[in-house]
Amino acid sequence: MVAVELLTPNGVVYSGDVSSVRVPGVMGSFAVLDNHAPLISPLEKGLVLINAIDGVKEFTIDGGVVEVLNNHVVILAESIVV
């Protein structure tokens, strides 16, 4: 399991343990699974797919940054596009 936090300047949008998360990296989208190597990457506008226990959650972000460290993913999004 991977702990994921999706944050905007307005607060926490999503927080929970998931099986995977896919984010829109500037060089293409990529998935983060259990025991992923540490990384920090800029994100472009696009779709964040969170594979949670109760189903897939979809969020469109307007860019940001992702940090992956020790099975913890923090997505700092500029905003969520509705």
PDB file of N, CA and C in Angstrom:
ATOM      1  N   MET A   1       0.838  -1.189   0.000  1.00  0.00           N
ATOM      2  CA  MET A   1       0.000   0.000   0.000  1.00  0.00           C
ATOM      3  C   MET A   1       0.885   1.256   0.000  1.00  0.00           C
ATOM      4  N   VAL A   2       0.326   2.285  -0.578  1.00  0.00           N
ATOM      5  CA  VAL A   2       1.003   3.570  -0.674  1.00  0.00           C
ATOM      6  C   VAL A   2       0.094   4.614  -0.033  1.00  0.00           C
ATOM      7  N   ALA A   3       0.643   5.420   0.856  1.00  0.00           N
ATOM      8  CA  ALA A   3      -0.121   6.516   1.455  1.00  0.00           C
ATOM      9  C   ALA A   3      -0.055   7.713   0.505  1.00  0.00           C
ATOM     10  N   VAL A   4      -1.212   8.264   0.145  1.00  0.00           N
ATOM     11  CA  VAL A   4      -1.276   9.376  -0.799  1.00  0.00           C
ATOM     12  C   VAL A   4      -1.965  10.560  -0.158  1.00  0.00           C
ATOM     13  N   GLU A   5      -1.394  11.739  -0.401  1.00  0.00           N
ATOM     14  CA  GLU A   5      -2.023  13.000  -0.012  1.00  0.00           C
ATOM     15  C   GLU A   5      -2.057  13.887  -1.243  1.00  0.00           C
ATOM     16  N   LEU A   6      -3.223  14.375  -1.598  1.00  0.00           N
ATOM     17  CA  LEU A   6      -3.389  15.335  -2.686  1.00  0.00           C
ATOM     18  C   LEU A   6      -3.787  16.657  -2.051  1.00  0.00           C
ATOM     19  N   LEU A   7      -2.909  17.642  -2.172  1.00  0.00           N
ATOM     20  CA  LEU A   7      -3.086  18.925  -1.489  1.00  0.00           C
ATOM     21  C   LEU A   7      -3.137  20.072  -2.489  1.00  0.00           C
ATOM     22  N   THR A   8      -3.926  21.091  -2.179  1.00  0.00           N
ATOM     23  CA  THR A   8      -3.928  22.352  -2.915  1.00  0.00           C
ATOM     24  C   THR A   8      -3.703  23.463  -1.899  1.00  0.00           C
ATOM     25  N   PRO A   9      -3.516  24.699  -2.350  1.00  0.00           N
ATOM     26  CA  PRO A   9      -3.397  25.795  -1.383  1.00  0.00           C
ATOM     27  C   PRO A   9      -4.636  25.946  -0.493  1.00  0.00           C
ATOM     28  N   ASN A  10      -5.770  25.395  -0.931  1.00  0.00           N
ATOM     29  CA  ASN A  10      -7.001  25.470  -0.137  1.00  0.00           C
ATOM     30  C   ASN A  10      -7.139  24.355   0.885  1.00  0.00           C
ATOM     31  N   GLY A  11      -6.253  23.342   0.835  1.00  0.00           N
ATOM     32  CA  GLY A  11      -6.329  22.268   1.814  1.00  0.00           C
ATOM     33  C   GLY A  11      -6.210  20.884   1.211  1.00  0.00           C
ATOM     34  N   VAL A  12      -6.553  19.884   2.005  1.00  0.00           N
ATOM     35  CA  VAL A  12      -6.445  18.484   1.609  1.00  0.00           C
ATOM     36  C   VAL A  12      -7.641  18.117   0.725  1.00  0.00           C
ATOM     37  N   VAL A  13      -7.346  17.572  -0.461  1.00  0.00           N
ATOM     38  CA  VAL A  13      -8.389  17.121  -1.382  1.00  0.00           C
ATOM     39  C   VAL A  13      -8.626  15.620  -1.214  1.00  0.00           C
ATOM     40  N   TYR A  14      -7.543  14.867  -1.012  1.00  0.00           N
ATOM     41  CA  TYR A  14      -7.658  13.416  -0.821  1.00  0.00           C
ATOM     42  C   TYR A  14      -6.517  12.959   0.074  1.00  0.00           C
ATOM     43  N   SER A  15      -6.800  12.002   0.946  1.00  0.00           N
ATOM     44  CA  SER A  15      -5.779  11.394   1.781  1.00  0.00           C
ATOM     45  C   SER A  15      -6.200   9.958   2.074  1.00  0.00           C
ATOM     46  N   GLY A  16      -5.286   9.008   1.839  1.00  0.00           N
ATOM     47  CA  GLY A  16      -5.619   7.626   2.131  1.00  0.00           C
ATOM     48  C   GLY A  16      -4.582   6.653   1.613  1.00  0.00           C
ATOM     49  N   ASP A  17      -4.744   5.381   1.960  1.00  0.00           N
ATOM     50  CA  ASP A  17      -3.871   4.315   1.484  1.00  0.00           C
ATOM     51  C   ASP A  17      -4.453   3.749   0.195  1.00  0.00           C
ATOM     52  N   VAL A  18      -3.593   3.596  -0.814  1.00  0.00           N
ATOM     53  CA  VAL A  18      -4.040   3.157  -2.133  1.00  0.00           C
ATOM     54  C   VAL A  18      -3.092   2.100  -2.669  1.00  0.00           C
ATOM     55  N   SER A  19      -3.520   1.419  -3.742  1.00  0.00           N
ATOM     56  CA  SER A  19      -2.646   0.424  -4.369  1.00  0.00           C
ATOM     57  C   SER A  19      -1.707   1.075  -5.374  1.00  0.00           C
ATOM     58  N   SER A  20      -2.155   2.180  -6.011  1.00  0.00           N
ATOM     59  CA  SER A  20      -1.295   2.905  -6.953  1.00  0.00           C
ATOM     60  C   SER A  20      -1.876   4.281  -7.213  1.00  0.00           C
ATOM     61  N   VAL A  21      -1.035   5.147  -7.759  1.00  0.00           N
ATOM     62  CA  VAL A  21      -1.472   6.475  -8.176  1.00  0.00           C
ATOM     63  C   VAL A  21      -0.743   6.823  -9.471  1.00  0.00           C
ATOM     64  N   ARG A  22      -1.461   7.404 -10.439  1.00  0.00           N
ATOM     65  CA  ARG A  22      -0.880   7.829 -11.710  1.00  0.00           C
ATOM     66  C   ARG A  22      -0.979   9.350 -11.775  1.00  0.00           C
ATOM     67  N   VAL A  23       0.144   9.992 -12.114  1.00  0.00           N
ATOM     68  CA  VAL A  23       0.214  11.448 -12.155  1.00  0.00           C
ATOM     69  C   VAL A  23       0.730  11.922 -13.518  1.00  0.00           C
ATOM     70  N   PRO A  24       0.375  13.164 -13.905  1.00  0.00           N
ATOM     71  CA  PRO A  24       0.792  13.702 -15.202  1.00  0.00           C
ATOM     72  C   PRO A  24       2.149  14.413 -15.127  1.00  0.00           C
ATOM     73  N   GLY A  25       3.225  13.665 -15.237  1.00  0.00           N
ATOM     74  CA  GLY A  25       4.555  14.256 -15.238  1.00  0.00           C
ATOM     75  C   GLY A  25       4.786  15.094 -16.483  1.00  0.00           C
ATOM     76  N   VAL A  26       5.732  16.010 -16.441  1.00  0.00           N
ATOM     77  CA  VAL A  26       5.999  16.866 -17.600  1.00  0.00           C
ATOM     78  C   VAL A  26       6.584  16.085 -18.778  1.00  0.00           C
ATOM     79  N   MET A  27       7.174  14.934 -18.520  1.00  0.00           N
ATOM     80  CA  MET A  27       7.716  14.087 -19.590  1.00  0.00           C
ATOM     81  C   MET A  27       6.770  12.920 -19.905  1.00  0.00           C
ATOM     82  N   GLY A  28       5.547  12.971 -19.397  1.00  0.00           N
ATOM     83  CA  GLY A  28       4.566  11.909 -19.595  1.00  0.00           C
ATOM     84  C   GLY A  28       4.049  11.411 -18.264  1.00  0.00           C
ATOM     85  N   SER A  29       2.880  10.808 -18.277  1.00  0.00           N
ATOM     86  CA  SER A  29       2.311  10.327 -17.022  1.00  0.00           C
ATOM     87  C   SER A  29       3.069   9.094 -16.541  1.00  0.00           C
ATOM     88  N   PHE A  30       3.066   8.902 -15.226  1.00  0.00           N
ATOM     89  CA  PHE A  30       3.726   7.728 -14.651  1.00  0.00           C
ATOM     90  C   PHE A  30       2.976   7.289 -13.405  1.00  0.00           C
ATOM     91  N   ALA A  31       3.135   6.001 -13.090  1.00  0.00           N
ATOM     92  CA  ALA A  31       2.461   5.414 -11.937  1.00  0.00           C
ATOM     93  C   ALA A  31       3.446   5.215 -10.798  1.00  0.00           C
ATOM     94  N   VAL A  32       2.930   5.321  -9.588  1.00  0.00           N
ATOM     95  CA  VAL A  32       3.701   5.051  -8.373  1.00  0.00           C
ATOM     96  C   VAL A  32       3.035   3.871  -7.696  1.00  0.00           C
ATOM     97  N   LEU A  33       3.817   2.821  -7.476  1.00  0.00           N
ATOM     98  CA  LEU A  33       3.351   1.611  -6.810  1.00  0.00           C
ATOM     99  C   LEU A  33       4.088   1.456  -5.483  1.00  0.00           C
ATOM    100  N   ASP A  34       3.758   0.416  -4.750  1.00  0.00           N
ATOM    101  CA  ASP A  34       4.422   0.079  -3.494  1.00  0.00           C
ATOM    102  C   ASP A  34       5.930  -0.029  -3.697  1.00  0.00           C
ATOM    103  N   ASN A  35       6.708   0.526  -2.791  1.00  0.00           N
ATOM    104  CA  ASN A  35       8.181   0.492  -2.803  1.00  0.00           C
ATOM    105  C   ASN A  35       8.807   1.189  -4.004  1.00  0.00           C
ATOM    106  N   HIS A  36       8.160   2.226  -4.509  1.00  0.00           N
ATOM    107  CA  HIS A  36       8.708   3.015  -5.612  1.00  0.00           C
ATOM    108  C   HIS A  36       9.963   3.746  -5.139  1.00  0.00           C
ATOM    109  N   ALA A  37      10.896   3.957  -6.047  1.00  0.00           N
ATOM    110  CA  ALA A  37      12.115   4.708  -5.727  1.00  0.00           C
ATOM    111  C   ALA A  37      11.749   6.154  -5.364  1.00  0.00           C
ATOM    112  N   PRO A  38      12.516   6.767  -4.465  1.00  0.00           N
ATOM    113  CA  PRO A  38      12.250   8.164  -4.104  1.00  0.00           C
ATOM    114  C   PRO A  38      12.399   9.075  -5.320  1.00  0.00           C
ATOM    115  N   LEU A  39      11.538  10.085  -5.398  1.00  0.00           N
ATOM    116  CA  LEU A  39      11.654  11.063  -6.480  1.00  0.00           C
ATOM    117  C   LEU A  39      10.866  12.314  -6.158  1.00  0.00           C
ATOM    118  N   ILE A  40      11.241  13.381  -6.832  1.00  0.00           N
ATOM    119  CA  ILE A  40      10.491  14.633  -6.846  1.00  0.00           C
ATOM    120  C   ILE A  40      10.363  15.004  -8.315  1.00  0.00           C
ATOM    121  N   SER A  41       9.137  15.336  -8.755  1.00  0.00           N
ATOM    122  CA  SER A  41       8.913  15.623 -10.163  1.00  0.00           C
ATOM    123  C   SER A  41       7.889  16.732 -10.324  1.00  0.00           C
ATOM    124  N   PRO A  42       8.128  17.639 -11.293  1.00  0.00           N
ATOM    125  CA  PRO A  42       7.084  18.617 -11.609  1.00  0.00           C
ATOM    126  C   PRO A  42       5.944  17.929 -12.351  1.00  0.00           C
ATOM    127  N   LEU A  43       4.754  18.474 -12.195  1.00  0.00           N
ATOM    128  CA  LEU A  43       3.571  17.928 -12.857  1.00  0.00           C
ATOM    129  C   LEU A  43       2.963  18.992 -13.760  1.00  0.00           C
ATOM    130  N   GLU A  44       2.378  18.526 -14.860  1.00  0.00           N
ATOM    131  CA  GLU A  44       1.669  19.446 -15.744  1.00  0.00           C
ATOM    132  C   GLU A  44       0.168  19.264 -15.539  1.00  0.00           C
ATOM    133  N   LYS A  45      -0.604  20.100 -16.212  1.00  0.00           N
ATOM    134  CA  LYS A  45      -2.059  19.960 -16.128  1.00  0.00           C
ATOM    135  C   LYS A  45      -2.447  18.595 -16.667  1.00  0.00           C
ATOM    136  N   GLY A  46      -3.283  17.886 -15.921  1.00  0.00           N
ATOM    137  CA  GLY A  46      -3.701  16.562 -16.367  1.00  0.00           C
ATOM    138  C   GLY A  46      -4.428  15.797 -15.286  1.00  0.00           C
ATOM    139  N   LEU A  47      -4.594  14.519 -15.553  1.00  0.00           N
ATOM    140  CA  LEU A  47      -5.407  13.641 -14.719  1.00  0.00           C
ATOM    141  C   LEU A  47      -4.560  12.898 -13.684  1.00  0.00           C
ATOM    142  N   VAL A  48      -5.007  12.930 -12.433  1.00  0.00           N
ATOM    143  CA  VAL A  48      -4.446  12.114 -11.361  1.00  0.00           C
ATOM    144  C   VAL A  48      -5.435  10.977 -11.120  1.00  0.00           C
ATOM    145  N   LEU A  49      -4.962   9.737 -11.263  1.00  0.00           N
ATOM    146  CA  LEU A  49      -5.800   8.557 -11.033  1.00  0.00           C
ATOM    147  C   LEU A  49      -5.324   7.853  -9.776  1.00  0.00           C
ATOM    148  N   ILE A  50      -6.205   7.752  -8.800  1.00  0.00           N
ATOM    149  CA  ILE A  50      -5.879   7.119  -7.531  1.00  0.00           C
ATOM    150  C   ILE A  50      -6.666   5.821  -7.429  1.00  0.00           C
ATOM    151  N   ASN A  51      -5.955   4.688  -7.363  1.00  0.00           N
ATOM    152  CA  ASN A  51      -6.599   3.378  -7.235  1.00  0.00           C
ATOM    153  C   ASN A  51      -6.767   3.044  -5.762  1.00  0.00           C
ATOM    154  N   ALA A  52      -7.893   3.462  -5.214  1.00  0.00           N
ATOM    155  CA  ALA A  52      -8.196   3.252  -3.800  1.00  0.00           C
ATOM    156  C   ALA A  52      -8.931   1.930  -3.617  1.00  0.00           C
ATOM    157  N   ILE A  53      -9.063   1.513  -2.384  1.00  0.00           N
ATOM    158  CA  ILE A  53      -9.760   0.267  -2.066  1.00  0.00           C
ATOM    159  C   ILE A  53     -11.213   0.315  -2.529  1.00  0.00           C
ATOM    160  N   ASP A  54     -11.839   1.487  -2.421  1.00  0.00           N
ATOM    161  CA  ASP A  54     -13.251   1.618  -2.793  1.00  0.00           C
ATOM    162  C   ASP A  54     -13.462   2.101  -4.227  1.00  0.00           C
ATOM    163  N   GLY A  55     -12.443   1.987  -5.073  1.00  0.00           N
ATOM    164  CA  GLY A  55     -12.582   2.354  -6.476  1.00  0.00           C
ATOM    165  C   GLY A  55     -11.570   3.388  -6.920  1.00  0.00           C
ATOM    166  N   VAL A  56     -11.641   3.736  -8.187  1.00  0.00           N
ATOM    167  CA  VAL A  56     -10.709   4.704  -8.773  1.00  0.00           C
ATOM    168  C   VAL A  56     -11.249   6.114  -8.570  1.00  0.00           C
ATOM    169  N   LYS A  57     -10.390   6.983  -8.064  1.00  0.00           N
ATOM    170  CA  LYS A  57     -10.717   8.398  -7.886  1.00  0.00           C
ATOM    171  C   LYS A  57      -9.977   9.177  -8.970  1.00  0.00           C
ATOM    172  N   GLU A  58     -10.655  10.107  -9.618  1.00  0.00           N
ATOM    173  CA  GLU A  58     -10.050  10.911 -10.672  1.00  0.00           C
ATOM    174  C   GLU A  58     -10.092  12.381 -10.297  1.00  0.00           C
ATOM    175  N   PHE A  59      -8.950  13.052 -10.451  1.00  0.00           N
ATOM    176  CA  PHE A  59      -8.848  14.485 -10.196  1.00  0.00           C
ATOM    177  C   PHE A  59      -8.053  15.101 -11.343  1.00  0.00           C
ATOM    178  N   THR A  60      -8.516  16.211 -11.873  1.00  0.00           N
ATOM    179  CA  THR A  60      -7.752  16.940 -12.881  1.00  0.00           C
ATOM    180  C   THR A  60      -7.072  18.097 -12.177  1.00  0.00           C
ATOM    181  N   ILE A  61      -5.742  18.120 -12.263  1.00  0.00           N
ATOM    182  CA  ILE A  61      -4.981  19.173 -11.600  1.00  0.00           C
ATOM    183  C   ILE A  61      -4.478  20.175 -12.633  1.00  0.00           C
ATOM    184  N   ASP A  62      -4.112  21.341 -12.157  1.00  0.00           N
ATOM    185  CA  ASP A  62      -3.626  22.406 -13.026  1.00  0.00           C
ATOM    186  C   ASP A  62      -2.113  22.585 -12.867  1.00  0.00           C
ATOM    187  N   GLY A  63      -1.394  21.459 -12.728  1.00  0.00           N
ATOM    188  CA  GLY A  63       0.052  21.497 -12.527  1.00  0.00           C
ATOM    189  C   GLY A  63       0.403  21.386 -11.059  1.00  0.00           C
ATOM    190  N   GLY A  64       1.695  21.190 -10.790  1.00  0.00           N
ATOM    191  CA  GLY A  64       2.153  21.085  -9.412  1.00  0.00           C
ATOM    192  C   GLY A  64       3.439  20.293  -9.300  1.00  0.00           C
ATOM    193  N   VAL A  65       3.595  19.614  -8.163  1.00  0.00           N
ATOM    194  CA  VAL A  65       4.810  18.848  -7.861  1.00  0.00           C
ATOM    195  C   VAL A  65       4.392  17.585  -7.117  1.00  0.00           C
ATOM    196  N   VAL A  66       5.123  16.478  -7.360  1.00  0.00           N
ATOM    197  CA  VAL A  66       4.896  15.254  -6.606  1.00  0.00           C
ATOM    198  C   VAL A  66       6.191  14.842  -5.924  1.00  0.00           C
ATOM    199  N   GLU A  67       6.062  14.357  -4.696  1.00  0.00           N
ATOM    200  CA  GLU A  67       7.200  13.808  -3.963  1.00  0.00           C
ATOM    201  C   GLU A  67       6.848  12.381  -3.556  1.00  0.00           C
ATOM    202  N   VAL A  68       7.766  11.447  -3.807  1.00  0.00           N
ATOM    203  CA  VAL A  68       7.592  10.051  -3.420  1.00  0.00           C
ATOM    204  C   VAL A  68       8.744   9.684  -2.492  1.00  0.00           C
ATOM    205  N   LEU A  69       8.424   9.192  -1.300  1.00  0.00           N
ATOM    206  CA  LEU A  69       9.458   8.821  -0.345  1.00  0.00           C
ATOM    207  C   LEU A  69       8.876   7.819   0.664  1.00  0.00           C
ATOM    208  N   ASN A  70       9.496   6.658   0.758  1.00  0.00           N
ATOM    209  CA  ASN A  70       9.100   5.641   1.746  1.00  0.00           C
ATOM    210  C   ASN A  70       7.607   5.294   1.704  1.00  0.00           C
ATOM    211  N   ASN A  71       7.100   4.965   0.516  1.00  0.00           N
ATOM    212  CA  ASN A  71       5.694   4.590   0.328  1.00  0.00           C
ATOM    213  C   ASN A  71       4.721   5.691   0.736  1.00  0.00           C
ATOM    214  N   HIS A  72       5.159   6.927   0.630  1.00  0.00           N
ATOM    215  CA  HIS A  72       4.303   8.088   0.906  1.00  0.00           C
ATOM    216  C   HIS A  72       4.404   9.024  -0.296  1.00  0.00           C
ATOM    217  N   VAL A  73       3.268   9.319  -0.907  1.00  0.00           N
ATOM    218  CA  VAL A  73       3.209  10.197  -2.073  1.00  0.00           C
ATOM    219  C   VAL A  73       2.477  11.472  -1.673  1.00  0.00           C
ATOM    220  N   VAL A  74       3.140  12.606  -1.897  1.00  0.00           N
ATOM    221  CA  VAL A  74       2.511  13.905  -1.643  1.00  0.00           C
ATOM    222  C   VAL A  74       2.426  14.629  -2.983  1.00  0.00           C
ATOM    223  N   ILE A  75       1.205  14.950  -3.381  1.00  0.00           N
ATOM    224  CA  ILE A  75       0.969  15.692  -4.613  1.00  0.00           C
ATOM    225  C   ILE A  75       0.546  17.100  -4.210  1.00  0.00           C
ATOM    226  N   LEU A  76       1.366  18.093  -4.565  1.00  0.00           N
ATOM    227  CA  LEU A  76       1.060  19.479  -4.292  1.00  0.00           C
ATOM    228  C   LEU A  76       0.549  20.074  -5.604  1.00  0.00           C
ATOM    229  N   ALA A  77      -0.759  20.222  -5.719  1.00  0.00           N
ATOM    230  CA  ALA A  77      -1.375  20.711  -6.944  1.00  0.00           C
ATOM    231  C   ALA A  77      -1.652  22.207  -6.838  1.00  0.00           C
ATOM    232  N   GLU A  78      -1.456  22.914  -7.955  1.00  0.00           N
ATOM    233  CA  GLU A  78      -1.772  24.347  -7.971  1.00  0.00           C
ATOM    234  C   GLU A  78      -3.264  24.555  -7.726  1.00  0.00           C
ATOM    235  N   SER A  79      -4.083  23.721  -8.363  1.00  0.00           N
ATOM    236  CA  SER A  79      -5.530  23.743  -8.152  1.00  0.00           C
ATOM    237  C   SER A  79      -6.145  22.504  -8.759  1.00  0.00           C
ATOM    238  N   ILE A  80      -7.392  22.239  -8.390  1.00  0.00           N
ATOM    239  CA  ILE A  80      -8.155  21.148  -8.967  1.00  0.00           C
ATOM    240  C   ILE A  80      -9.096  21.757  -9.989  1.00  0.00           C
ATOM    241  N   VAL A  81      -9.075  21.239 -11.211  1.00  0.00           N
ATOM    242  CA  VAL A  81      -9.938  21.749 -12.276  1.00  0.00           C
ATOM    243  C   VAL A  81     -11.272  21.020 -12.166  1.00  0.00           C
ATOM    244  N   VAL A  82     -12.353  21.766 -12.090  1.00  0.00           N
ATOM    245  CA  VAL A  82     -13.682  21.167 -11.938  1.00  0.00           C
ATOM    246  C   VAL A  82     -14.335  20.978 -13.288  1.00  0.00           C
TER     247      VAL A  82
END
